[in-house]
């Protein structure tokens, strides 16, 4: 899918054209897929509420800590399986 740009760098809503002999269900499915691939829905949900810089930094730190702990647990499980 090509990324269509508008003035100001904003992305446009995907507009799939109805192909010949294509049912509405197929058109809707294709539209949802294009919308999902474009990432617009994800961005909209993320930007729905204001998040301060401090709050976003704390969230990033929490996620990084969780990733680190998860990796540690996986490494320990891998070591246990290797010894057994």
PDB file of N, CA and C in Angstrom:
ATOM      1  N   UNK A   1       0.835  -1.188   0.000  1.00  0.00           N
ATOM      2  CA  UNK A   1       0.000   0.000   0.000  1.00  0.00           C
ATOM      3  C   UNK A   1       0.879   1.250   0.000  1.00  0.00           C
ATOM      4  N   UNK A   2       0.532   2.195  -0.796  1.00  0.00           N
ATOM      5  CA  UNK A   2       1.287   3.434  -0.807  1.00  0.00           C
ATOM      6  C   UNK A   2       0.743   4.365   0.266  1.00  0.00           C
ATOM      7  N   UNK A   3       1.638   5.153   0.825  1.00  0.00           N
ATOM      8  CA  UNK A   3       1.263   6.083   1.881  1.00  0.00           C
ATOM      9  C   UNK A   3       0.899   7.413   1.215  1.00  0.00           C
ATOM     10  N   UNK A   4      -0.348   7.789   1.274  1.00  0.00           N
ATOM     11  CA  UNK A   4      -0.789   9.042   0.669  1.00  0.00           C
ATOM     12  C   UNK A   4      -0.617  10.166   1.671  1.00  0.00           C
ATOM     13  N   UNK A   5       0.059  11.225   1.247  1.00  0.00           N
ATOM     14  CA  UNK A   5       0.327  12.337   2.137  1.00  0.00           C
ATOM     15  C   UNK A   5      -0.517  13.542   1.747  1.00  0.00           C
ATOM     16  N   UNK A   6      -0.971  14.244   2.761  1.00  0.00           N
ATOM     17  CA  UNK A   6      -1.724  15.471   2.577  1.00  0.00           C
ATOM     18  C   UNK A   6      -0.828  16.618   3.008  1.00  0.00           C
ATOM     19  N   UNK A   7      -1.297  17.838   2.861  1.00  0.00           N
ATOM     20  CA  UNK A   7      -0.535  18.968   3.379  1.00  0.00           C
ATOM     21  C   UNK A   7      -0.394  18.842   4.885  1.00  0.00           C
ATOM     22  N   UNK A   8       0.769  19.223   5.409  1.00  0.00           N
ATOM     23  CA  UNK A   8       0.979  19.154   6.845  1.00  0.00           C
ATOM     24  C   UNK A   8       1.414  17.759   7.302  1.00  0.00           C
ATOM     25  N   UNK A   9       1.625  16.833   6.369  1.00  0.00           N
ATOM     26  CA  UNK A   9       2.101  15.515   6.727  1.00  0.00           C
ATOM     27  C   UNK A   9       1.034  14.572   7.266  1.00  0.00           C
ATOM     28  N   UNK A  10      -0.219  14.987   7.239  1.00  0.00           N
ATOM     29  CA  UNK A  10      -1.280  14.116   7.748  1.00  0.00           C
ATOM     30  C   UNK A  10      -1.613  13.060   6.708  1.00  0.00           C
ATOM     31  N   UNK A  11      -1.913  11.856   7.209  1.00  0.00           N
ATOM     32  CA  UNK A  11      -2.289  10.779   6.304  1.00  0.00           C
ATOM     33  C   UNK A  11      -3.770  10.847   6.009  1.00  0.00           C
ATOM     34  N   UNK A  12      -4.141  10.456   4.808  1.00  0.00           N
ATOM     35  CA  UNK A  12      -5.548  10.437   4.413  1.00  0.00           C
ATOM     36  C   UNK A  12      -6.174   9.106   4.780  1.00  0.00           C
ATOM     37  N   UNK A  13      -7.470   9.125   4.894  1.00  0.00           N
ATOM     38  CA  UNK A  13      -8.227   7.907   5.147  1.00  0.00           C
ATOM     39  C   UNK A  13      -8.150   7.013   3.919  1.00  0.00           C
ATOM     40  N   UNK A  14      -7.880   5.726   4.075  1.00  0.00           N
ATOM     41  CA  UNK A  14      -7.861   4.834   2.907  1.00  0.00           C
ATOM     42  C   UNK A  14      -9.217   4.844   2.207  1.00  0.00           C
ATOM     43  N   UNK A  15      -9.195   4.925   0.892  1.00  0.00           N
ATOM     44  CA  UNK A  15     -10.426   4.941   0.105  1.00  0.00           C
ATOM     45  C   UNK A  15     -10.348   3.860  -0.966  1.00  0.00           C
ATOM     46  N   UNK A  16     -10.655   2.626  -0.603  1.00  0.00           N
ATOM     47  CA  UNK A  16     -10.611   1.571  -1.615  1.00  0.00           C
ATOM     48  C   UNK A  16     -11.754   1.736  -2.604  1.00  0.00           C
ATOM     49  N   UNK A  17     -11.434   1.599  -3.863  1.00  0.00           N
ATOM     50  CA  UNK A  17     -12.446   1.688  -4.916  1.00  0.00           C
ATOM     51  C   UNK A  17     -13.093   0.317  -5.080  1.00  0.00           C
ATOM     52  N   UNK A  18     -14.393   0.327  -5.299  1.00  0.00           N
ATOM     53  CA  UNK A  18     -15.099  -0.932  -5.486  1.00  0.00           C
ATOM     54  C   UNK A  18     -14.754  -1.507  -6.848  1.00  0.00           C
ATOM     55  N   UNK A  19     -14.233  -2.728  -6.836  1.00  0.00           N
ATOM     56  CA  UNK A  19     -13.872  -3.375  -8.081  1.00  0.00           C
ATOM     57  C   UNK A  19     -15.100  -4.056  -8.671  1.00  0.00           C
ATOM     58  N   UNK A  20     -15.016  -4.370  -9.949  1.00  0.00           N
ATOM     59  CA  UNK A  20     -16.157  -4.997 -10.614  1.00  0.00           C
ATOM     60  C   UNK A  20     -16.437  -6.356  -9.982  1.00  0.00           C
ATOM     61  N   UNK A  21     -17.701  -6.632  -9.795  1.00  0.00           N
ATOM     62  CA  UNK A  21     -18.180  -7.903  -9.237  1.00  0.00           C
ATOM     63  C   UNK A  21     -17.662  -8.158  -7.825  1.00  0.00           C
ATOM     64  N   UNK A  22     -17.351  -7.092  -7.090  1.00  0.00           N
ATOM     65  CA  UNK A  22     -16.883  -7.231  -5.709  1.00  0.00           C
ATOM     66  C   UNK A  22     -18.055  -6.942  -4.776  1.00  0.00           C
ATOM     67  N   UNK A  23     -18.297  -7.819  -3.842  1.00  0.00           N
ATOM     68  CA  UNK A  23     -19.383  -7.625  -2.904  1.00  0.00           C
ATOM     69  C   UNK A  23     -19.031  -6.581  -1.849  1.00  0.00           C
ATOM     70  N   UNK A  24     -20.039  -6.076  -1.166  1.00  0.00           N
ATOM     71  CA  UNK A  24     -19.804  -5.070  -0.135  1.00  0.00           C
ATOM     72  C   UNK A  24     -18.989  -5.642   1.024  1.00  0.00           C
ATOM     73  N   UNK A  25     -19.198  -6.919   1.346  1.00  0.00           N
ATOM     74  CA  UNK A  25     -18.445  -7.533   2.436  1.00  0.00           C
ATOM     75  C   UNK A  25     -16.961  -7.553   2.113  1.00  0.00           C
ATOM     76  N   UNK A  26     -16.627  -7.887   0.843  1.00  0.00           N
ATOM     77  CA  UNK A  26     -15.224  -7.906   0.433  1.00  0.00           C
ATOM     78  C   UNK A  26     -14.631  -6.503   0.458  1.00  0.00           C
ATOM     79  N   UNK A  27     -15.410  -5.532   0.013  1.00  0.00           N
ATOM     80  CA  UNK A  27     -14.948  -4.148   0.022  1.00  0.00           C
ATOM     81  C   UNK A  27     -14.688  -3.680   1.460  1.00  0.00           C
ATOM     82  N   UNK A  28     -15.605  -3.998   2.360  1.00  0.00           N
ATOM     83  CA  UNK A  28     -15.445  -3.608   3.756  1.00  0.00           C
ATOM     84  C   UNK A  28     -14.228  -4.296   4.371  1.00  0.00           C
ATOM     85  N   UNK A  29     -14.034  -5.563   4.053  1.00  0.00           N
ATOM     86  CA  UNK A  29     -12.876  -6.302   4.568  1.00  0.00           C
ATOM     87  C   UNK A  29     -11.575  -5.668   4.079  1.00  0.00           C
ATOM     88  N   UNK A  30     -11.549  -5.303   2.794  1.00  0.00           N
ATOM     89  CA  UNK A  30     -10.357  -4.667   2.226  1.00  0.00           C
ATOM     90  C   UNK A  30     -10.103  -3.302   2.863  1.00  0.00           C
ATOM     91  N   UNK A  31     -11.170  -2.540   3.093  1.00  0.00           N
ATOM     92  CA  UNK A  31     -11.047  -1.231   3.745  1.00  0.00           C
ATOM     93  C   UNK A  31     -10.473  -1.380   5.144  1.00  0.00           C
ATOM     94  N   UNK A  32     -10.993  -2.328   5.913  1.00  0.00           N
ATOM     95  CA  UNK A  32     -10.493  -2.539   7.275  1.00  0.00           C
ATOM     96  C   UNK A  32      -9.016  -2.936   7.264  1.00  0.00           C
ATOM     97  N   UNK A  33      -8.652  -3.787   6.316  1.00  0.00           N
ATOM     98  CA  UNK A  33      -7.262  -4.212   6.219  1.00  0.00           C
ATOM     99  C   UNK A  33      -6.360  -3.016   5.894  1.00  0.00           C
ATOM    100  N   UNK A  34      -6.756  -2.186   4.926  1.00  0.00           N
ATOM    101  CA  UNK A  34      -5.972  -1.006   4.557  1.00  0.00           C
ATOM    102  C   UNK A  34      -5.872  -0.035   5.728  1.00  0.00           C
ATOM    103  N   UNK A  35      -6.964   0.139   6.462  1.00  0.00           N
ATOM    104  CA  UNK A  35      -6.961   1.034   7.614  1.00  0.00           C
ATOM    105  C   UNK A  35      -6.010   0.505   8.683  1.00  0.00           C
ATOM    106  N   UNK A  36      -6.031  -0.784   8.908  1.00  0.00           N
ATOM    107  CA  UNK A  36      -5.159  -1.391   9.897  1.00  0.00           C
ATOM    108  C   UNK A  36      -3.694  -1.274   9.479  1.00  0.00           C
ATOM    109  N   UNK A  37      -3.403  -1.521   8.198  1.00  0.00           N
ATOM    110  CA  UNK A  37      -2.034  -1.452   7.705  1.00  0.00           C
ATOM    111  C   UNK A  37      -1.497  -0.025   7.719  1.00  0.00           C
ATOM    112  N   UNK A  38      -2.369   0.946   7.511  1.00  0.00           N
ATOM    113  CA  UNK A  38      -1.912   2.340   7.491  1.00  0.00           C
ATOM    114  C   UNK A  38      -1.531   2.824   8.887  1.00  0.00           C
ATOM    115  N   UNK A  39      -2.087   2.208   9.929  1.00  0.00           N
ATOM    116  CA  UNK A  39      -1.749   2.594  11.299  1.00  0.00           C
ATOM    117  C   UNK A  39      -2.535   3.786  11.802  1.00  0.00           C
ATOM    118  N   UNK A  40      -3.484   4.266  11.039  1.00  0.00           N
ATOM    119  CA  UNK A  40      -4.227   5.455  11.443  1.00  0.00           C
ATOM    120  C   UNK A  40      -5.087   5.207  12.668  1.00  0.00           C
ATOM    121  N   UNK A  41      -5.725   4.066  12.724  1.00  0.00           N
ATOM    122  CA  UNK A  41      -6.592   3.769  13.852  1.00  0.00           C
ATOM    123  C   UNK A  41      -5.774   3.676  15.131  1.00  0.00           C
ATOM    124  N   UNK A  42      -4.607   3.041  15.044  1.00  0.00           N
ATOM    125  CA  UNK A  42      -3.711   2.917  16.193  1.00  0.00           C
ATOM    126  C   UNK A  42      -3.267   4.306  16.671  1.00  0.00           C
ATOM    127  N   UNK A  43      -2.887   5.177  15.717  1.00  0.00           N
ATOM    128  CA  UNK A  43      -2.467   6.534  16.068  1.00  0.00           C
ATOM    129  C   UNK A  43      -3.600   7.313  16.716  1.00  0.00           C
ATOM    130  N   UNK A  44      -4.787   7.181  16.150  1.00  0.00           N
ATOM    131  CA  UNK A  44      -5.944   7.904  16.698  1.00  0.00           C
ATOM    132  C   UNK A  44      -6.213   7.472  18.135  1.00  0.00           C
ATOM    133  N   UNK A  45      -6.193   6.179  18.385  1.00  0.00           N
ATOM    134  CA  UNK A  45      -6.442   5.692  19.738  1.00  0.00           C
ATOM    135  C   UNK A  45      -5.360   6.162  20.699  1.00  0.00           C
ATOM    136  N   UNK A  46      -4.113   6.200  20.221  1.00  0.00           N
ATOM    137  CA  UNK A  46      -3.004   6.618  21.074  1.00  0.00           C
ATOM    138  C   UNK A  46      -3.087   8.116  21.399  1.00  0.00           C
ATOM    139  N   UNK A  47      -3.529   8.910  20.453  1.00  0.00           N
ATOM    140  CA  UNK A  47      -3.557  10.363  20.629  1.00  0.00           C
ATOM    141  C   UNK A  47      -4.895  10.885  21.130  1.00  0.00           C
ATOM    142  N   UNK A  48      -5.789   9.979  21.496  1.00  0.00           N
ATOM    143  CA  UNK A  48      -7.119  10.391  21.924  1.00  0.00           C
ATOM    144  C   UNK A  48      -7.069  11.264  23.166  1.00  0.00           C
ATOM    145  N   UNK A  49      -6.145  10.972  24.091  1.00  0.00           N
ATOM    146  CA  UNK A  49      -6.028  11.725  25.334  1.00  0.00           C
ATOM    147  C   UNK A  49      -4.642  12.335  25.441  1.00  0.00           C
ATOM    148  N   UNK A  50      -4.558  13.499  26.079  1.00  0.00           N
ATOM    149  CA  UNK A  50      -3.278  14.153  26.263  1.00  0.00           C
ATOM    150  C   UNK A  50      -2.460  13.388  27.295  1.00  0.00           C
ATOM    151  N   UNK A  51      -1.178  13.179  26.979  1.00  0.00           N
ATOM    152  CA  UNK A  51      -0.255  12.514  27.901  1.00  0.00           C
ATOM    153  C   UNK A  51       0.955  13.417  28.033  1.00  0.00           C
ATOM    154  N   UNK A  52       1.273  13.816  29.268  1.00  0.00           N
ATOM    155  CA  UNK A  52       2.404  14.711  29.478  1.00  0.00           C
ATOM    156  C   UNK A  52       3.715  13.984  29.197  1.00  0.00           C
ATOM    157  N   UNK A  53       4.794  14.745  29.022  1.00  0.00           N
ATOM    158  CA  UNK A  53       6.105  14.155  28.753  1.00  0.00           C
ATOM    159  C   UNK A  53       6.543  13.265  29.904  1.00  0.00           C
ATOM    160  N   UNK A  54       6.329  13.736  31.121  1.00  0.00           N
ATOM    161  CA  UNK A  54       6.721  12.947  32.292  1.00  0.00           C
ATOM    162  C   UNK A  54       5.975  11.633  32.360  1.00  0.00           C
ATOM    163  N   UNK A  55       4.691  11.688  32.074  1.00  0.00           N
ATOM    164  CA  UNK A  55       3.878  10.477  32.104  1.00  0.00           C
ATOM    165  C   UNK A  55       4.310   9.495  31.015  1.00  0.00           C
ATOM    166  N   UNK A  56       4.608  10.017  29.833  1.00  0.00           N
ATOM    167  CA  UNK A  56       5.041   9.127  28.750  1.00  0.00           C
ATOM    168  C   UNK A  56       6.410   8.517  29.070  1.00  0.00           C
ATOM    169  N   UNK A  57       7.296   9.284  29.709  1.00  0.00           N
ATOM    170  CA  UNK A  57       8.606   8.753  30.103  1.00  0.00           C
ATOM    171  C   UNK A  57       8.448   7.649  31.143  1.00  0.00           C
ATOM    172  N   UNK A  58       7.567   7.859  32.119  1.00  0.00           N
ATOM    173  CA  UNK A  58       7.334   6.827  33.138  1.00  0.00           C
ATOM    174  C   UNK A  58       6.775   5.559  32.503  1.00  0.00           C
ATOM    175  N   UNK A  59       5.884   5.723  31.548  1.00  0.00           N
ATOM    176  CA  UNK A  59       5.310   4.570  30.851  1.00  0.00           C
ATOM    177  C   UNK A  59       6.394   3.814  30.076  1.00  0.00           C
ATOM    178  N   UNK A  60       7.279   4.554  29.404  1.00  0.00           N
ATOM    179  CA  UNK A  60       8.372   3.924  28.670  1.00  0.00           C
ATOM    180  C   UNK A  60       9.285   3.160  29.619  1.00  0.00           C
ATOM    181  N   UNK A  61       9.574   3.742  30.786  1.00  0.00           N
ATOM    182  CA  UNK A  61      10.427   3.065  31.758  1.00  0.00           C
ATOM    183  C   UNK A  61       9.765   1.797  32.280  1.00  0.00           C
ATOM    184  N   UNK A  62       8.468   1.863  32.552  1.00  0.00           N
ATOM    185  CA  UNK A  62       7.741   0.668  33.012  1.00  0.00           C
ATOM    186  C   UNK A  62       7.788  -0.441  31.970  1.00  0.00           C
ATOM    187  N   UNK A  63       7.573  -0.077  30.714  1.00  0.00           N
ATOM    188  CA  UNK A  63       7.600  -1.073  29.650  1.00  0.00           C
ATOM    189  C   UNK A  63       8.996  -1.659  29.478  1.00  0.00           C
ATOM    190  N   UNK A  64      10.017  -0.813  29.565  1.00  0.00           N
ATOM    191  CA  UNK A  64      11.391  -1.299  29.429  1.00  0.00           C
ATOM    192  C   UNK A  64      11.737  -2.259  30.572  1.00  0.00           C
ATOM    193  N   UNK A  65      11.323  -1.936  31.779  1.00  0.00           N
ATOM    194  CA  UNK A  65      11.580  -2.802  32.924  1.00  0.00           C
ATOM    195  C   UNK A  65      10.860  -4.141  32.757  1.00  0.00           C
ATOM    196  N   UNK A  66       9.646  -4.084  32.281  1.00  0.00           N
ATOM    197  CA  UNK A  66       8.887  -5.320  32.072  1.00  0.00           C
ATOM    198  C   UNK A  66       9.556  -6.191  31.009  1.00  0.00           C
ATOM    199  N   UNK A  67      10.026  -5.568  29.905  1.00  0.00           N
ATOM    200  CA  UNK A  67      10.740  -6.308  28.864  1.00  0.00           C
ATOM    201  C   UNK A  67      12.009  -6.948  29.427  1.00  0.00           C
ATOM    202  N   UNK A  68      12.737  -6.183  30.234  1.00  0.00           N
ATOM    203  CA  UNK A  68      13.976  -6.689  30.812  1.00  0.00           C
ATOM    204  C   UNK A  68      13.708  -7.898  31.696  1.00  0.00           C
ATOM    205  N   UNK A  69      12.685  -7.791  32.557  1.00  0.00           N
ATOM    206  CA  UNK A  69      12.342  -8.915  33.441  1.00  0.00           C
ATOM    207  C   UNK A  69      11.892 -10.128  32.644  1.00  0.00           C
ATOM    208  N   UNK A  70      11.116  -9.887  31.602  1.00  0.00           N
ATOM    209  CA  UNK A  70      10.624 -10.976  30.764  1.00  0.00           C
ATOM    210  C   UNK A  70      11.792 -11.693  30.079  1.00  0.00           C
ATOM    211  N   UNK A  71      12.763 -10.921  29.601  1.00  0.00           N
ATOM    212  CA  UNK A  71      13.945 -11.528  28.971  1.00  0.00           C
ATOM    213  C   UNK A  71      14.738 -12.344  29.966  1.00  0.00           C
ATOM    214  N   UNK A  72      14.871 -11.833  31.198  1.00  0.00           N
ATOM    215  CA  UNK A  72      15.595 -12.577  32.233  1.00  0.00           C
ATOM    216  C   UNK A  72      14.930 -13.921  32.495  1.00  0.00           C
ATOM    217  N   UNK A  73      13.612 -13.923  32.626  1.00  0.00           N
ATOM    218  CA  UNK A  73      12.883 -15.163  32.896  1.00  0.00           C
ATOM    219  C   UNK A  73      13.075 -16.140  31.740  1.00  0.00           C
ATOM    220  N   UNK A  74      13.000 -15.650  30.510  1.00  0.00           N
ATOM    221  CA  UNK A  74      13.185 -16.533  29.354  1.00  0.00           C
ATOM    222  C   UNK A  74      14.589 -17.113  29.320  1.00  0.00           C
ATOM    223  N   UNK A  75      15.596 -16.302  29.655  1.00  0.00           N
ATOM    224  CA  UNK A  75      16.976 -16.791  29.668  1.00  0.00           C
ATOM    225  C   UNK A  75      17.153 -17.854  30.750  1.00  0.00           C
ATOM    226  N   UNK A  76      16.547 -17.642  31.912  1.00  0.00           N
ATOM    227  CA  UNK A  76      16.644 -18.628  32.986  1.00  0.00           C
ATOM    228  C   UNK A  76      15.963 -19.925  32.580  1.00  0.00           C
ATOM    229  N   UNK A  77      14.807 -19.834  31.936  1.00  0.00           N
ATOM    230  CA  UNK A  77      14.107 -21.038  31.498  1.00  0.00           C
ATOM    231  C   UNK A  77      14.929 -21.771  30.438  1.00  0.00           C
ATOM    232  N   UNK A  78      15.573 -21.034  29.562  1.00  0.00           N
ATOM    233  CA  UNK A  78      16.398 -21.613  28.514  1.00  0.00           C
ATOM    234  C   UNK A  78      17.601 -22.337  29.136  1.00  0.00           C
ATOM    235  N   UNK A  79      18.203 -21.735  30.173  1.00  0.00           N
ATOM    236  CA  UNK A  79      19.337 -22.350  30.857  1.00  0.00           C
ATOM    237  C   UNK A  79      18.923 -23.639  31.546  1.00  0.00           C
ATOM    238  N   UNK A  80      17.746 -23.637  32.187  1.00  0.00           N
ATOM    239  CA  UNK A  80      17.256 -24.826  32.896  1.00  0.00           C
ATOM    240  C   UNK A  80      17.006 -25.960  31.897  1.00  0.00           C
ATOM    241  N   UNK A  81      16.412 -25.638  30.756  1.00  0.00           N
ATOM    242  CA  UNK A  81      16.129 -26.666  29.744  1.00  0.00           C
ATOM    243  C   UNK A  81      17.430 -27.224  29.176  1.00  0.00           C
ATOM    244  N   UNK A  82      18.429 -26.380  28.997  1.00  0.00           N
ATOM    245  CA  UNK A  82      19.704 -26.832  28.455  1.00  0.00           C
ATOM    246  C   UNK A  82      20.448 -27.778  29.375  1.00  0.00           C
ATOM    247  N   UNK A  83      20.263 -27.614  30.673  1.00  0.00           N
ATOM    248  CA  UNK A  83      20.977 -28.455  31.635  1.00  0.00           C
ATOM    249  C   UNK A  83      20.288 -29.803  31.832  1.00  0.00           C
ATOM    250  N   UNK A  84      18.972 -29.832  31.621  1.00  0.00           N
ATOM    251  CA  UNK A  84      18.167 -31.013  31.919  1.00  0.00           C
ATOM    252  C   UNK A  84      18.249 -32.078  30.917  1.00  0.00           C
TER     253      UNK A  84
END
